[in-house]
Amino acid sequence: QEHLVESGGGLVQPGGSLRLSCAASGFTLDIYAIGWFRQAPGKEREGVSCISASGNTTYYSDSVRGRFTIYRDNARNTVYLQMNSLKPEDSAVYSCVRSGGFWGRGTQVTVSS
């Protein structure tokens, strides 16, 4: 059975860092582009970042560019989202999705003092 499982979320103070993981099981991740999305209560889902299957091409939304870094470790079948200089407005449920529309369940990130 195929799964995408996010982890690494939690509570962090403004200015802090978190690293989110998107781990695949039941399939090989390295043939898929992977995206990270987030959704805060009462807001629409927002695309945050994505990475090509090769890892050579990445994209970041304006709101996170320069603070977040997406990368993949195909040997571990995992894509990561390193989030630095976190702001309260980054608080949301973060979910990963593979090309074709297969989603994980998400992990909560809360940035608060």
Protein backbone atom coordinates (compact mmCIF):
# COMPACT_ATOMS: atom_id res chain seq x y z
CA GLN A 1 0.00 0.00 0.00
CA GLU A 2 1.24 3.45 -0.89
CA HIS A 3 1.68 6.16 1.74
CA LEU A 4 3.11 9.63 2.13
CA VAL A 5 3.76 10.53 5.75
CA GLU A 6 4.71 13.99 6.93
CA SER A 7 6.57 14.58 10.18
CA GLY A 8 8.65 17.21 11.90
CA GLY A 9 5.97 19.72 12.73
CA GLY A 10 5.52 21.24 16.15
CA LEU A 11 5.54 24.43 18.17
CA VAL A 12 8.41 26.84 17.60
CA GLN A 13 9.09 30.42 18.56
CA PRO A 14 9.24 33.16 15.93
CA GLY A 15 12.65 33.14 14.30
CA GLY A 16 13.08 29.44 14.93
CA SER A 17 13.51 26.55 12.56
CA LEU A 18 11.86 23.26 11.75
CA ARG A 19 12.59 20.56 9.23
CA LEU A 20 9.60 18.76 7.78
CA SER A 21 9.91 15.32 6.24
CA CYS A 22 7.72 13.70 3.60
CA ALA A 23 8.48 9.99 3.64
CA ALA A 24 7.13 7.60 1.04
CA SER A 25 6.36 3.96 1.52
CA GLY A 26 5.02 1.44 -0.92
CA PHE A 27 6.45 3.26 -3.93
CA THR A 28 9.64 4.87 -5.13
CA LEU A 29 9.62 8.60 -4.65
CA ASP A 30 12.39 9.46 -7.08
CA ILE A 31 10.21 9.34 -10.19
CA TYR A 32 7.82 11.99 -8.85
CA ALA A 33 7.88 15.72 -8.40
CA ILE A 34 6.86 16.56 -4.84
CA GLY A 35 5.12 19.64 -3.56
CA TRP A 36 4.52 21.11 -0.13
CA PHE A 37 1.28 22.93 0.56
CA ARG A 38 -0.06 24.53 3.71
CA GLN A 39 -3.45 25.50 5.00
CA ALA A 40 -4.23 27.69 7.97
CA PRO A 41 -7.68 27.78 9.61
CA GLY A 42 -10.09 29.88 7.57
CA LYS A 43 -7.63 30.27 4.70
CA GLU A 44 -7.25 28.65 1.32
CA ARG A 45 -4.60 26.04 0.74
CA GLU A 46 -1.37 27.64 -0.43
CA GLY A 47 1.42 26.13 -2.47
CA VAL A 48 4.70 26.60 -0.63
CA SER A 49 7.40 24.78 -2.54
CA CYS A 50 8.02 21.96 -4.97
CA ILE A 51 10.90 19.98 -6.33
CA SER A 52 11.32 18.08 -9.57
CA ALA A 53 11.92 14.34 -9.66
CA SER A 54 15.59 14.90 -10.40
CA GLY A 55 15.90 17.51 -7.69
CA ASN A 56 17.39 19.95 -10.19
CA THR A 57 14.43 22.31 -10.25
CA THR A 58 12.77 23.90 -7.25
CA TYR A 59 10.06 26.46 -6.73
CA TYR A 60 9.17 28.66 -3.76
CA SER A 61 6.26 30.95 -3.11
CA ASP A 62 7.08 34.58 -2.54
CA SER A 63 6.08 34.25 1.10
CA VAL A 64 8.78 31.67 1.89
CA ARG A 65 11.53 32.28 -0.66
CA GLY A 66 14.84 32.85 1.05
CA ARG A 67 13.67 31.21 4.28
CA PHE A 68 12.61 27.70 3.22
CA THR A 69 14.64 25.11 1.36
CA ILE A 70 13.26 21.98 -0.29
CA TYR A 71 15.49 19.04 -1.05
CA ARG A 72 15.24 15.32 -1.51
CA ASP A 73 17.13 12.27 -0.41
CA ASN A 74 16.08 9.56 -2.80
CA ALA A 75 18.12 6.97 -0.96
CA ARG A 76 15.85 7.56 2.02
CA ASN A 77 12.74 7.93 -0.16
CA THR A 78 12.12 11.27 1.54
CA VAL A 79 11.67 14.92 0.64
CA TYR A 80 12.48 17.58 3.20
CA LEU A 81 11.40 21.15 3.79
CA GLN A 82 13.86 23.11 5.90
CA MET A 83 12.07 26.11 7.36
CA ASN A 84 14.12 28.90 8.89
CA SER A 85 13.25 32.33 10.29
CA LEU A 86 9.73 31.14 10.97
CA LYS A 87 6.97 33.68 11.42
CA PRO A 88 3.57 33.39 13.10
CA GLU A 89 1.97 33.59 9.65
CA ASP A 90 3.74 30.35 8.72
CA SER A 91 1.48 28.48 11.16
CA ALA A 92 -0.58 25.93 9.26
CA VAL A 93 -0.99 22.27 8.48
CA TYR A 94 1.71 21.35 6.00
CA SER A 95 1.05 18.55 3.55
CA CYS A 96 3.11 16.98 0.81
CA VAL A 97 1.77 15.72 -2.49
CA ARG A 98 3.32 13.77 -5.30
CA SER A 99 2.68 14.62 -8.94
CA GLY A 100 -0.62 13.04 -9.89
CA GLY A 101 -2.35 14.16 -6.73
CA PHE A 102 -1.50 11.65 -4.01
CA TRP A 103 -1.47 13.43 -0.64
CA GLY A 104 -0.16 12.83 2.82
CA ARG A 105 -2.24 13.71 5.86
CA GLY A 106 -0.19 16.65 6.99
CA THR A 107 1.73 17.88 10.00
CA GLN A 108 0.89 20.89 12.16
CA VAL A 109 3.32 23.78 12.40
CA THR A 110 2.67 26.44 15.00
CA VAL A 111 4.87 29.50 15.31
CA SER A 112 4.15 31.35 18.51
CA SER A 113 5.87 32.90 21.47
